[in-house]
C-alpha atoms as a PDB file:
ATOM      1  CA  MET A   1       6.448 -16.849  23.820  1.00  0.00           C
ATOM      2  CA  SER A   2       3.497 -19.500  24.234  1.00  0.00           C
ATOM      3  CA  LYS A   3       2.305 -18.916  20.589  1.00  0.00           C
ATOM      4  CA  PRO A   4       5.451 -17.914  18.451  1.00  0.00           C
ATOM      5  CA  TYR A   5       3.583 -17.228  15.326  1.00  0.00           C
ATOM      6  CA  VAL A   6       1.210 -14.959  13.618  1.00  0.00           C
ATOM      7  CA  VAL A   7      -0.986 -15.415   9.998  1.00  0.00           C
ATOM      8  CA  GLY A   8      -0.649 -12.544   7.689  1.00  0.00           C
ATOM      9  CA  ILE A   9      -3.392 -12.634   5.190  1.00  0.00           C
ATOM     10  CA  ASP A  10      -3.365  -9.779   2.492  1.00  0.00           C
ATOM     11  CA  ILE A  11      -6.504  -9.588   0.173  1.00  0.00           C
ATOM     12  CA  GLY A  12      -6.001  -8.054  -3.218  1.00  0.00           C
ATOM     13  CA  GLY A  13      -8.320  -7.820  -5.991  1.00  0.00           C
ATOM     14  CA  THR A  14      -6.727 -10.780  -7.901  1.00  0.00           C
ATOM     15  CA  ASN A  15      -4.941 -13.044  -5.330  1.00  0.00           C
ATOM     16  CA  THR A  16      -5.227 -13.344  -1.501  1.00  0.00           C
ATOM     17  CA  VAL A  17      -1.632 -14.249  -0.253  1.00  0.00           C
ATOM     18  CA  PHE A  18      -1.039 -15.372   3.415  1.00  0.00           C
ATOM     19  CA  GLY A  19       1.692 -16.811   5.633  1.00  0.00           C
ATOM     20  CA  ILE A  20       2.776 -17.768   8.760  1.00  0.00           C
ATOM     21  CA  VAL A  21       5.210 -15.206  10.212  1.00  0.00           C
ATOM     22  CA  ASP A  22       7.584 -15.508  13.487  1.00  0.00           C
ATOM     23  CA  ALA A  23       8.570 -12.760  15.935  1.00  0.00           C
ATOM     24  CA  ARG A  24      11.644 -11.908  13.883  1.00  0.00           C
ATOM     25  CA  GLY A  25       9.809 -11.221  10.544  1.00  0.00           C
ATOM     26  CA  VAL A  26      10.687 -14.640   8.860  1.00  0.00           C
ATOM     27  CA  VAL A  27       8.167 -15.824   6.773  1.00  0.00           C
ATOM     28  CA  ILE A  28       7.947 -19.573   7.709  1.00  0.00           C
ATOM     29  CA  ALA A  29       5.610 -20.699   4.616  1.00  0.00           C
ATOM     30  CA  SER A  30       3.128 -18.933   2.635  1.00  0.00           C
ATOM     31  CA  SER A  31       0.566 -19.687  -0.086  1.00  0.00           C
ATOM     32  CA  SER A  32      -2.193 -17.846  -2.127  1.00  0.00           C
ATOM     33  CA  ILE A  33      -5.731 -18.478  -3.457  1.00  0.00           C
ATOM     34  CA  LYS A  34      -7.553 -16.634  -6.167  1.00  0.00           C
ATOM     35  CA  THR A  35      -9.755 -13.958  -4.505  1.00  0.00           C
ATOM     36  CA  LEU A  36     -12.251 -13.851  -7.128  1.00  0.00           C
ATOM     37  CA  LYS A  37     -12.404 -17.663  -7.398  1.00  0.00           C
ATOM     38  CA  HIS A  38     -15.831 -17.433  -5.499  1.00  0.00           C
ATOM     39  CA  SER A  39     -18.244 -14.380  -5.768  1.00  0.00           C
ATOM     40  CA  ASP A  40     -19.606 -15.692  -2.541  1.00  0.00           C
ATOM     41  CA  VAL A  41     -17.876 -14.462   0.450  1.00  0.00           C
ATOM     42  CA  ASN A  42     -18.946 -17.608   2.521  1.00  0.00           C
ATOM     43  CA  ALA A  43     -17.213 -19.726   0.295  1.00  0.00           C
ATOM     44  CA  TYR A  44     -13.987 -17.971  -0.073  1.00  0.00           C
ATOM     45  CA  LEU A  45     -13.888 -18.016   3.669  1.00  0.00           C
ATOM     46  CA  ASP A  46     -14.390 -21.969   3.368  1.00  0.00           C
ATOM     47  CA  GLU A  47     -11.302 -22.146   0.890  1.00  0.00           C
ATOM     48  CA  LEU A  48      -9.278 -19.456   2.676  1.00  0.00           C
ATOM     49  CA  TYR A  49      -9.734 -21.543   6.243  1.00  0.00           C
ATOM     50  CA  ASN A  50      -8.893 -24.665   4.447  1.00  0.00           C
ATOM     51  CA  GLU A  51      -5.587 -23.478   2.805  1.00  0.00           C
ATOM     52  CA  VAL A  52      -4.408 -21.527   5.929  1.00  0.00           C
ATOM     53  CA  THR A  53      -5.255 -24.580   8.060  1.00  0.00           C
ATOM     54  CA  ARG A  54      -3.407 -26.996   5.335  1.00  0.00           C
ATOM     55  CA  LEU A  55      -0.062 -24.549   5.817  1.00  0.00           C
ATOM     56  CA  LEU A  56      -0.357 -24.536   9.606  1.00  0.00           C
ATOM     57  CA  VAL A  57      -0.385 -28.453   9.573  1.00  0.00           C
ATOM     58  CA  ALA A  58       2.315 -28.667   7.272  1.00  0.00           C
ATOM     59  CA  ASN A  59       4.450 -26.695   9.450  1.00  0.00           C
ATOM     60  CA  ASP A  60       3.409 -27.740  12.871  1.00  0.00           C
ATOM     61  CA  ALA A  61       1.975 -24.367  13.524  1.00  0.00           C
ATOM     62  CA  VAL A  62      -1.499 -25.229  14.672  1.00  0.00           C
ATOM     63  CA  ASP A  63      -2.202 -23.951  17.943  1.00  0.00           C
ATOM     64  CA  LYS A  64       0.783 -21.892  17.756  1.00  0.00           C
ATOM     65  CA  VAL A  65      -0.761 -18.766  16.276  1.00  0.00           C
ATOM     66  CA  HIS A  66      -1.278 -15.521  18.521  1.00  0.00           C
ATOM     67  CA  GLY A  67      -3.412 -13.689  15.933  1.00  0.00           C
ATOM     68  CA  ILE A  68      -4.168 -12.994  12.445  1.00  0.00           C
ATOM     69  CA  GLY A  69      -3.598  -9.886  10.595  1.00  0.00           C
ATOM     70  CA  ILE A  70      -5.558  -8.966   7.464  1.00  0.00           C
ATOM     71  CA  GLY A  71      -4.537  -6.130   5.022  1.00  0.00           C
ATOM     72  CA  ALA A  72      -7.667  -5.453   2.760  1.00  0.00           C
ATOM     73  CA  PRO A  73      -8.799  -2.588   0.376  1.00  0.00           C
ATOM     74  CA  ASN A  74     -11.111   0.076   2.619  1.00  0.00           C
ATOM     75  CA  ALA A  75     -10.851  -1.859   5.823  1.00  0.00           C
ATOM     76  CA  ASN A  76     -11.345  -0.228   9.093  1.00  0.00           C
ATOM     77  CA  TYR A  77      -9.117  -0.911  11.854  1.00  0.00           C
ATOM     78  CA  TYR A  78     -11.638   0.176  14.577  1.00  0.00           C
ATOM     79  CA  THR A  79     -14.630  -1.833  13.320  1.00  0.00           C
ATOM     80  CA  GLY A  80     -13.316  -4.619  11.628  1.00  0.00           C
ATOM     81  CA  MET A  81     -15.248  -4.035   8.196  1.00  0.00           C
ATOM     82  CA  ILE A  82     -14.842  -3.364   5.082  1.00  0.00           C
ATOM     83  CA  GLU A  83     -16.669  -0.517   3.920  1.00  0.00           C
ATOM     84  CA  LYS A  84     -16.651  -0.396   0.426  1.00  0.00           C
ATOM     85  CA  LEU A  85     -15.178  -2.361  -2.429  1.00  0.00           C
ATOM     86  CA  VAL A  86     -14.739  -1.585  -5.864  1.00  0.00           C
ATOM     87  CA  ASN A  87     -12.845  -4.572  -7.458  1.00  0.00           C
ATOM     88  CA  ILE A  88     -14.429  -7.375  -5.129  1.00  0.00           C
ATOM     89  CA  PRO A  89     -18.065  -8.478  -5.766  1.00  0.00           C
ATOM     90  CA  TRP A  90     -18.912  -8.710  -2.003  1.00  0.00           C
ATOM     91  CA  PRO A  91     -22.062  -7.099  -0.135  1.00  0.00           C
ATOM     92  CA  THR A  92     -20.245  -4.204   2.017  1.00  0.00           C
ATOM     93  CA  PRO A  93     -20.246  -3.158   4.797  1.00  0.00           C
ATOM     94  CA  LEU A  94     -18.710  -6.748   5.484  1.00  0.00           C
ATOM     95  CA  PRO A  95     -17.509  -7.535   8.979  1.00  0.00           C
ATOM     96  CA  LEU A  96     -14.578  -9.539   7.758  1.00  0.00           C
ATOM     97  CA  ALA A  97     -12.403  -9.393  10.981  1.00  0.00           C
ATOM     98  CA  GLN A  98     -15.150 -10.829  12.958  1.00  0.00           C
ATOM     99  CA  MET A  99     -15.988 -13.476  10.223  1.00  0.00           C
ATOM    100  CA  VAL A 100     -12.400 -14.721  10.023  1.00  0.00           C
ATOM    101  CA  SER A 101     -11.933 -14.795  13.854  1.00  0.00           C
ATOM    102  CA  ASP A 102     -15.302 -16.838  14.033  1.00  0.00           C
ATOM    103  CA  LYS A 103     -14.018 -19.101  11.405  1.00  0.00           C
ATOM    104  CA  PHE A 104     -10.488 -19.737  12.769  1.00  0.00           C
ATOM    105  CA  GLY A 105     -11.124 -19.275  16.450  1.00  0.00           C
ATOM    106  CA  ILE A 106      -8.197 -16.979  16.439  1.00  0.00           C
ATOM    107  CA  PRO A 107      -7.868 -13.106  17.131  1.00  0.00           C
ATOM    108  CA  VAL A 108      -8.116 -10.809  14.335  1.00  0.00           C
ATOM    109  CA  ALA A 109      -7.047  -7.204  13.616  1.00  0.00           C
ATOM    110  CA  ILE A 110      -7.646  -5.628   9.962  1.00  0.00           C
ATOM    111  CA  THR A 111      -6.619  -2.462   8.304  1.00  0.00           C
ATOM    112  CA  ASN A 112      -6.176  -1.180   4.941  1.00  0.00           C
ATOM    113  CA  ASP A 113      -3.547  -2.333   3.113  1.00  0.00           C
ATOM    114  CA  ALA A 114      -1.388   0.800   3.096  1.00  0.00           C
ATOM    115  CA  ASN A 115      -1.734   1.166   6.690  1.00  0.00           C
ATOM    116  CA  ALA A 116      -0.395  -2.716   7.154  1.00  0.00           C
ATOM    117  CA  ALA A 117       2.686  -1.797   4.728  1.00  0.00           C
ATOM    118  CA  ALA A 118       3.519   1.032   7.392  1.00  0.00           C
ATOM    119  CA  ILE A 119       3.081  -1.321  10.389  1.00  0.00           C
ATOM    120  CA  GLY A 120       5.092  -4.033   8.697  1.00  0.00           C
ATOM    121  CA  GLU A 121       7.734  -1.306   7.652  1.00  0.00           C
ATOM    122  CA  MET A 122       7.926  -0.351  11.303  1.00  0.00           C
ATOM    123  CA  THR A 123       7.996  -3.851  12.870  1.00  0.00           C
ATOM    124  CA  TYR A 124      10.472  -5.482  10.243  1.00  0.00           C
ATOM    125  CA  GLY A 125      11.539  -3.095   7.667  1.00  0.00           C
ATOM    126  CA  ALA A 126      13.444   0.592   6.884  1.00  0.00           C
ATOM    127  CA  ALA A 127      10.904   2.202   9.742  1.00  0.00           C
ATOM    128  CA  ARG A 128      12.522   0.157  12.694  1.00  0.00           C
ATOM    129  CA  GLY A 129      13.426   2.530  15.303  1.00  0.00           C
ATOM    130  CA  LEU A 130      11.108   5.615  13.608  1.00  0.00           C
ATOM    131  CA  LYS A 131       8.418   7.124  15.546  1.00  0.00           C
ATOM    132  CA  ASP A 132       7.409   9.627  12.719  1.00  0.00           C
ATOM    133  CA  PHE A 133       7.244   8.627   9.294  1.00  0.00           C
ATOM    134  CA  ILE A 134       4.913   8.360   6.435  1.00  0.00           C
ATOM    135  CA  MET A 135       4.433   5.035   4.185  1.00  0.00           C
ATOM    136  CA  ILE A 136       3.698   5.772   0.684  1.00  0.00           C
ATOM    137  CA  THR A 137       2.827   2.911  -1.564  1.00  0.00           C
ATOM    138  CA  LEU A 138       3.170   3.516  -5.307  1.00  0.00           C
ATOM    139  CA  GLY A 139       1.375   0.852  -7.089  1.00  0.00           C
ATOM    140  CA  THR A 140      -1.940   0.960  -9.172  1.00  0.00           C
ATOM    141  CA  GLY A 141      -2.788   3.559  -6.970  1.00  0.00           C
ATOM    142  CA  VAL A 142      -1.273   5.657  -4.090  1.00  0.00           C
ATOM    143  CA  GLY A 143      -1.729   4.411  -0.715  1.00  0.00           C
ATOM    144  CA  SER A 144      -0.426   5.683   2.401  1.00  0.00           C
ATOM    145  CA  GLY A 145       0.003   5.079   6.149  1.00  0.00           C
ATOM    146  CA  ILE A 146       0.734   7.873   8.699  1.00  0.00           C
ATOM    147  CA  VAL A 147       2.748   6.952  11.752  1.00  0.00           C
ATOM    148  CA  ILE A 148       3.253  10.047  14.416  1.00  0.00           C
ATOM    149  CA  ASN A 149       5.068   9.339  18.011  1.00  0.00           C
ATOM    150  CA  GLY A 150       5.201   5.598  17.149  1.00  0.00           C
ATOM    151  CA  GLN A 151       1.350   5.279  16.489  1.00  0.00           C
ATOM    152  CA  LEU A 152      -0.442   4.762  13.467  1.00  0.00           C
ATOM    153  CA  VAL A 153      -2.857   7.528  12.657  1.00  0.00           C
ATOM    154  CA  TYR A 154      -6.291   5.946  11.747  1.00  0.00           C
ATOM    155  CA  GLY A 155      -8.295   9.169  12.868  1.00  0.00           C
ATOM    156  CA  HIS A 156     -11.654   9.133  14.509  1.00  0.00           C
ATOM    157  CA  ASP A 157     -13.444   7.036  11.954  1.00  0.00           C
ATOM    158  CA  GLY A 158     -10.563   4.601  10.830  1.00  0.00           C
ATOM    159  CA  PHE A 159      -9.998   6.164   7.393  1.00  0.00           C
ATOM    160  CA  ALA A 160      -6.932   8.739   7.990  1.00  0.00           C
ATOM    161  CA  GLY A 161      -4.177   8.527   5.632  1.00  0.00           C
ATOM    162  CA  GLU A 162      -5.677   8.754   2.095  1.00  0.00           C
ATOM    163  CA  LEU A 163      -3.015  10.966   0.819  1.00  0.00           C
ATOM    164  CA  GLY A 164      -3.299   9.438  -2.590  1.00  0.00           C
ATOM    165  CA  HIS A 165      -6.344  11.508  -2.631  1.00  0.00           C
ATOM    166  CA  THR A 166      -4.727  14.931  -2.058  1.00  0.00           C
ATOM    167  CA  ILE A 167      -5.826  17.282  -4.713  1.00  0.00           C
ATOM    168  CA  MET A 168      -2.438  18.451  -6.664  1.00  0.00           C
ATOM    169  CA  LYS A 169      -4.162  19.869  -9.750  1.00  0.00           C
ATOM    170  CA  ARG A 170      -6.854  22.580  -8.925  1.00  0.00           C
ATOM    171  CA  ASN A 171      -7.767  23.371 -12.547  1.00  0.00           C
ATOM    172  CA  ASN A 172      -8.374  20.688 -14.959  1.00  0.00           C
ATOM    173  CA  GLY A 173      -7.143  17.840 -13.008  1.00  0.00           C
ATOM    174  CA  ARG A 174      -7.562  14.479 -14.336  1.00  0.00           C
ATOM    175  CA  LEU A 175     -10.570  12.144 -13.180  1.00  0.00           C
ATOM    176  CA  CYS A 176      -9.596   9.988 -10.564  1.00  0.00           C
ATOM    177  CA  GLY A 177     -11.173   6.777  -9.717  1.00  0.00           C
ATOM    178  CA  CYS A 178     -12.394   8.239  -6.281  1.00  0.00           C
ATOM    179  CA  GLY A 179     -14.591  10.631  -8.330  1.00  0.00           C
ATOM    180  CA  ARG A 180     -12.901  13.881  -7.893  1.00  0.00           C
ATOM    181  CA  THR A 181     -10.500  15.729  -9.959  1.00  0.00           C
ATOM    182  CA  GLY A 182      -6.564  16.344  -9.664  1.00  0.00           C
ATOM    183  CA  CYS A 183      -5.705  13.640  -6.976  1.00  0.00           C
ATOM    184  CA  LEU A 184      -2.515  12.800  -6.656  1.00  0.00           C
ATOM    185  CA  GLU A 185      -3.105   8.846  -7.416  1.00  0.00           C
ATOM    186  CA  ALA A 186      -4.230   9.899 -10.933  1.00  0.00           C
ATOM    187  CA  TYR A 187      -0.533  11.331 -11.776  1.00  0.00           C
ATOM    188  CA  CYS A 188       2.063   9.263  -9.560  1.00  0.00           C
ATOM    189  CA  SER A 189       0.784   6.052  -9.588  1.00  0.00           C
ATOM    190  CA  ALA A 190       1.628   3.318 -12.004  1.00  0.00           C
ATOM    191  CA  SER A 191      -1.779   3.768 -14.016  1.00  0.00           C
ATOM    192  CA  GLY A 192      -0.794   7.594 -13.745  1.00  0.00           C
ATOM    193  CA  VAL A 193       2.566   7.326 -15.225  1.00  0.00           C
ATOM    194  CA  ALA A 194       0.709   5.447 -18.057  1.00  0.00           C
ATOM    195  CA  ARG A 195      -1.557   8.201 -18.159  1.00  0.00           C
ATOM    196  CA  THR A 196       0.848  10.680 -18.390  1.00  0.00           C
ATOM    197  CA  ALA A 197       2.686   8.879 -21.320  1.00  0.00           C
ATOM    198  CA  ARG A 198      -0.231   9.021 -23.422  1.00  0.00           C
ATOM    199  CA  GLU A 199      -1.063  12.634 -23.020  1.00  0.00           C
ATOM    200  CA  PHE A 200       2.508  13.217 -23.645  1.00  0.00           C
ATOM    201  CA  LEU A 201       2.424  11.105 -26.928  1.00  0.00           C
ATOM    202  CA  GLU A 202      -0.874  12.851 -28.209  1.00  0.00           C
ATOM    203  CA  ILE A 203       0.421  16.505 -27.631  1.00  0.00           C
ATOM    204  CA  ARG A 204       4.251  16.386 -28.366  1.00  0.00           C
ATOM    205  CA  THR A 205       5.854  15.309 -31.710  1.00  0.00           C
ATOM    206  CA  GLU A 206       9.613  14.368 -31.147  1.00  0.00           C
ATOM    207  CA  PRO A 207      10.281  10.843 -32.013  1.00  0.00           C
ATOM    208  CA  SER A 208      10.074   7.925 -28.914  1.00  0.00           C
ATOM    209  CA  ALA A 209      10.303   4.075 -28.422  1.00  0.00           C
ATOM    210  CA  LEU A 210       6.858   4.394 -26.793  1.00  0.00           C
ATOM    211  CA  ARG A 211       5.093   5.178 -30.367  1.00  0.00           C
ATOM    212  CA  THR A 212       5.824   1.551 -31.349  1.00  0.00           C
ATOM    213  CA  ILE A 213       3.307   0.547 -28.755  1.00  0.00           C
ATOM    214  CA  PRO A 214      -0.401   1.011 -28.988  1.00  0.00           C
ATOM    215  CA  ILE A 215      -1.043   3.826 -27.201  1.00  0.00           C
ATOM    216  CA  GLU A 216      -3.877   2.455 -24.806  1.00  0.00           C
ATOM    217  CA  ALA A 217      -1.455  -0.801 -23.912  1.00  0.00           C
ATOM    218  CA  ILE A 218       1.432   1.386 -22.505  1.00  0.00           C
ATOM    219  CA  THR A 219       2.186   0.682 -19.083  1.00  0.00           C
ATOM    220  CA  SER A 220       4.449   2.119 -16.360  1.00  0.00           C
ATOM    221  CA  LYS A 221       7.036  -0.730 -16.849  1.00  0.00           C
ATOM    222  CA  ASP A 222       7.023   0.218 -20.577  1.00  0.00           C
ATOM    223  CA  VAL A 223       8.132   3.903 -19.919  1.00  0.00           C
ATOM    224  CA  TYR A 224      10.530   2.631 -17.067  1.00  0.00           C
ATOM    225  CA  ASP A 225      12.226   0.482 -19.862  1.00  0.00           C
ATOM    226  CA  ALA A 226      12.181   3.159 -22.472  1.00  0.00           C
ATOM    227  CA  ALA A 227      13.569   5.576 -19.997  1.00  0.00           C
ATOM    228  CA  VAL A 228      16.375   3.209 -19.005  1.00  0.00           C
ATOM    229  CA  ALA A 229      17.210   2.865 -22.690  1.00  0.00           C
ATOM    230  CA  GLY A 230      18.016   6.830 -22.942  1.00  0.00           C
ATOM    231  CA  ASP A 231      14.580   7.546 -24.493  1.00  0.00           C
ATOM    232  CA  LYS A 232      14.292  11.260 -23.917  1.00  0.00           C
ATOM    233  CA  LEU A 233      10.179  11.664 -23.746  1.00  0.00           C
ATOM    234  CA  ALA A 234      10.272   8.653 -21.244  1.00  0.00           C
ATOM    235  CA  ASN A 235      12.789  10.359 -18.930  1.00  0.00           C
ATOM    236  CA  GLU A 236      10.747  13.429 -19.118  1.00  0.00           C
ATOM    237  CA  ILE A 237       7.758  11.551 -17.840  1.00  0.00           C
ATOM    238  CA  PHE A 238       9.523  10.557 -14.910  1.00  0.00           C
ATOM    239  CA  GLU A 239      10.560  14.205 -14.284  1.00  0.00           C
ATOM    240  CA  TYR A 240       7.018  15.181 -14.542  1.00  0.00           C
ATOM    241  CA  THR A 241       5.673  12.394 -12.119  1.00  0.00           C
ATOM    242  CA  GLY A 242       8.662  13.072  -9.497  1.00  0.00           C
ATOM    243  CA  ASN A 243       7.970  16.612  -9.739  1.00  0.00           C
ATOM    244  CA  ILE A 244       4.188  16.194  -8.554  1.00  0.00           C
ATOM    245  CA  LEU A 245       5.364  13.653  -6.105  1.00  0.00           C
ATOM    246  CA  GLY A 246       8.057  16.176  -4.387  1.00  0.00           C
ATOM    247  CA  GLU A 247       5.546  18.948  -4.313  1.00  0.00           C
ATOM    248  CA  ALA A 248       3.210  16.429  -2.502  1.00  0.00           C
ATOM    249  CA  PHE A 249       5.666  15.460  -0.181  1.00  0.00           C
ATOM    250  CA  ALA A 250       6.772  18.814   0.774  1.00  0.00           C
ATOM    251  CA  GLU A 251       2.890  19.416   1.576  1.00  0.00           C
ATOM    252  CA  PHE A 252       2.733  16.069   3.858  1.00  0.00           C
ATOM    253  CA  THR A 253       5.885  17.275   5.942  1.00  0.00           C
ATOM    254  CA  VAL A 254       3.982  20.463   6.848  1.00  0.00           C
ATOM    255  CA  PHE A 255       1.653  18.762   8.756  1.00  0.00           C
ATOM    256  CA  SER A 256       3.486  15.879  10.408  1.00  0.00           C
ATOM    257  CA  SER A 257       7.040  16.529  10.353  1.00  0.00           C
ATOM    258  CA  PRO A 258       8.061  12.835   9.516  1.00  0.00           C
ATOM    259  CA  GLN A 259      11.779  11.694  10.207  1.00  0.00           C
ATOM    260  CA  ALA A 260      11.406   9.948   6.689  1.00  0.00           C
ATOM    261  CA  ILE A 261       8.917   8.973   3.746  1.00  0.00           C
ATOM    262  CA  ILE A 262       9.527   5.355   2.983  1.00  0.00           C
ATOM    263  CA  LEU A 263       8.012   4.238  -0.587  1.00  0.00           C
ATOM    264  CA  PHE A 264       7.011   0.963  -1.396  1.00  0.00           C
ATOM    265  CA  GLY A 265       5.749  -0.617  -4.692  1.00  0.00           C
ATOM    266  CA  GLY A 266       6.650  -1.402  -8.334  1.00  0.00           C
ATOM    267  CA  LEU A 267       7.345   2.324  -9.333  1.00  0.00           C
ATOM    268  CA  ALA A 268       9.204   2.784  -6.153  1.00  0.00           C
ATOM    269  CA  LYS A 269      11.893   0.578  -8.116  1.00  0.00           C
ATOM    270  CA  SER A 270      12.207   3.053 -10.987  1.00  0.00           C
ATOM    271  CA  GLY A 271      15.389   4.376  -8.652  1.00  0.00           C
ATOM    272  CA  GLU A 272      17.121   7.464  -9.663  1.00  0.00           C
ATOM    273  CA  LEU A 273      14.487   7.878 -12.551  1.00  0.00           C
ATOM    274  CA  LEU A 274      12.053   8.965 -10.161  1.00  0.00           C
ATOM    275  CA  LEU A 275      13.923   9.402  -6.646  1.00  0.00           C
ATOM    276  CA  ARG A 276      16.301  12.485  -8.098  1.00  0.00           C
ATOM    277  CA  PRO A 277      13.225  14.798  -9.564  1.00  0.00           C
ATOM    278  CA  LEU A 278      11.418  13.586  -6.407  1.00  0.00           C
ATOM    279  CA  ARG A 279      14.152  14.706  -3.801  1.00  0.00           C
ATOM    280  CA  GLU A 280      14.750  18.275  -5.928  1.00  0.00           C
ATOM    281  CA  SER A 281      11.097  18.914  -6.191  1.00  0.00           C
ATOM    282  CA  MET A 282      10.586  18.244  -2.143  1.00  0.00           C
ATOM    283  CA  GLU A 283      13.383  20.296  -1.014  1.00  0.00           C
ATOM    284  CA  LYS A 284      12.514  23.001  -3.796  1.00  0.00           C
ATOM    285  CA  ASN A 285       8.831  23.411  -2.401  1.00  0.00           C
ATOM    286  CA  MET A 286       9.729  22.804   1.302  1.00  0.00           C
ATOM    287  CA  TYR A 287       8.689  24.971   4.023  1.00  0.00           C
ATOM    288  CA  PRO A 288      12.046  26.348   5.107  1.00  0.00           C
ATOM    289  CA  ALA A 289      11.650  25.087   8.825  1.00  0.00           C
ATOM    290  CA  PHE A 290      11.856  21.487   7.419  1.00  0.00           C
ATOM    291  CA  LYS A 291      14.601  21.890   4.426  1.00  0.00           C
ATOM    292  CA  GLY A 292      16.958  19.055   4.601  1.00  0.00           C
ATOM    293  CA  LYS A 293      15.511  17.217   7.635  1.00  0.00           C
ATOM    294  CA  VAL A 294      13.204  14.631   5.868  1.00  0.00           C
ATOM    295  CA  GLN A 295      14.843  11.653   4.697  1.00  0.00           C
ATOM    296  CA  ILE A 296      13.203   9.639   1.701  1.00  0.00           C
ATOM    297  CA  LEU A 297      13.977   5.742   1.731  1.00  0.00           C
ATOM    298  CA  LEU A 298      12.960   2.638   0.192  1.00  0.00           C
ATOM    299  CA  SER A 299      11.329  -0.286   1.687  1.00  0.00           C
ATOM    300  CA  GLU A 300      13.310  -2.851   3.029  1.00  0.00           C
ATOM    301  CA  LEU A 301      10.710  -5.693   3.058  1.00  0.00           C
ATOM    302  CA  LYS A 302      11.308  -8.440   0.364  1.00  0.00           C
ATOM    303  CA  ASP A 303       8.771  -8.118  -2.443  1.00  0.00           C
ATOM    304  CA  ALA A 304       7.694 -11.805  -2.116  1.00  0.00           C
ATOM    305  CA  ASP A 305       7.055 -11.283   1.432  1.00  0.00           C
ATOM    306  CA  ALA A 306       5.978  -7.842   1.875  1.00  0.00           C
ATOM    307  CA  ALA A 307       2.152  -8.082   1.742  1.00  0.00           C
ATOM    308  CA  VAL A 308       2.329 -11.156   4.426  1.00  0.00           C
ATOM    309  CA  LEU A 309       4.634  -9.203   6.510  1.00  0.00           C
ATOM    310  CA  GLY A 310       2.763  -6.008   6.641  1.00  0.00           C
ATOM    311  CA  ALA A 311      -0.496  -7.907   7.290  1.00  0.00           C
ATOM    312  CA  SER A 312       1.046 -10.466   9.810  1.00  0.00           C
ATOM    313  CA  ALA A 313       2.775  -7.555  11.796  1.00  0.00           C
ATOM    314  CA  LEU A 314      -0.651  -6.317  12.609  1.00  0.00           C
ATOM    315  CA  GLY A 315      -1.525  -9.909  14.058  1.00  0.00           C
ATOM    316  CA  TRP A 316       0.495  -9.264  17.128  1.00  0.00           C
ATOM    317  CA  GLU A 317      -1.953  -6.409  17.996  1.00  0.00           C
ATOM    318  CA  ALA A 318      -4.884  -8.756  17.496  1.00  0.00           C
ATOM    319  CA  LYS A 319      -7.219  -9.166  20.502  1.00  0.00           C
ATOM    320  CA  ALA A 320      -9.985 -11.359  21.261  1.00  0.00           C
ATOM    321  CA  GLN A 321     -12.669  -8.714  20.549  1.00  0.00           C
ATOM    322  CA  VAL A 322     -12.671  -6.512  17.393  1.00  0.00           C
ATOM    323  CA  PRO A 323     -11.583  -3.064  18.290  1.00  0.00           C
ATOM    324  CA  ALA A 324     -14.859  -0.781  18.455  1.00  0.00           C
ATOM    325  CA  VAL A 325     -14.893   2.933  17.085  1.00  0.00           C
ATOM    326  CA  PRO A 326     -14.065   5.315  19.871  1.00  0.00           C
ATOM    327  CA  GLN A 327     -16.650   7.259  21.453  1.00  0.00           C
ATOM    328  CA  ALA A 328     -16.793  10.937  21.034  1.00  0.00           C
END
């Protein structure tokens, strides 16, 4: 291979993590910058260019990069644009793929962070060899990437796969950050677990270790710690969350018949606290033809490398021209 490396860049609301990755999925070196150190996107790109170049020089990788892959919120693979940003004060729509390509003189491909995770899992992780699977990221929100017949599904406009915004509660559902009510994300993300804890504490009377924490300060990690210690209420919160997630997975299975649903993110590390009720609920609610056929797997990407690996896998697909939206 004439150019044996790719660069993966994961743009988050707080940090931008980047690294040099080889074809085996080994992160040769990585670093990060603060995304919001500069409110001006051009100043941000200047710092990103300087720090990535410094990393390439230090690892004798200058002129050895095949492409750059970027995972970013609301990024569109077809257009190379970031369509909307909630937590980053840059003007949108923003032609970020073209801007980064112009800056580095290297082909760039971009997609949203959950799609990048799916590509990373298919290239380096638990989905190697799978042609049909769904990647679910359980973090602050609920993200998803759908792979059918070995291809990531982008849809006609580049935005397919927003399964976190499947409506799970039609009546009196929680308000979601997207503006709708009852979305899966409002219940089964890390922030959703914390919301469930607050609701349970307000309407229930039994003792719980969670009552020692100011109610607005409770996090999903607090709920996990209490559940591991045997707290009954905390365990019921995970039961409630797993039930809803299982119902959602049964619905997802109907339309794409995946071999597996792969979980990634902080909440996925809750182990059987979440997985047991999830599996039971999924099978209970599954359309009969699919019962017992869908595996629930955990990501095999290392925590420290996962964001970089997911983005970098897209770098192998990067072409000189940013992909255009297919014509109808």
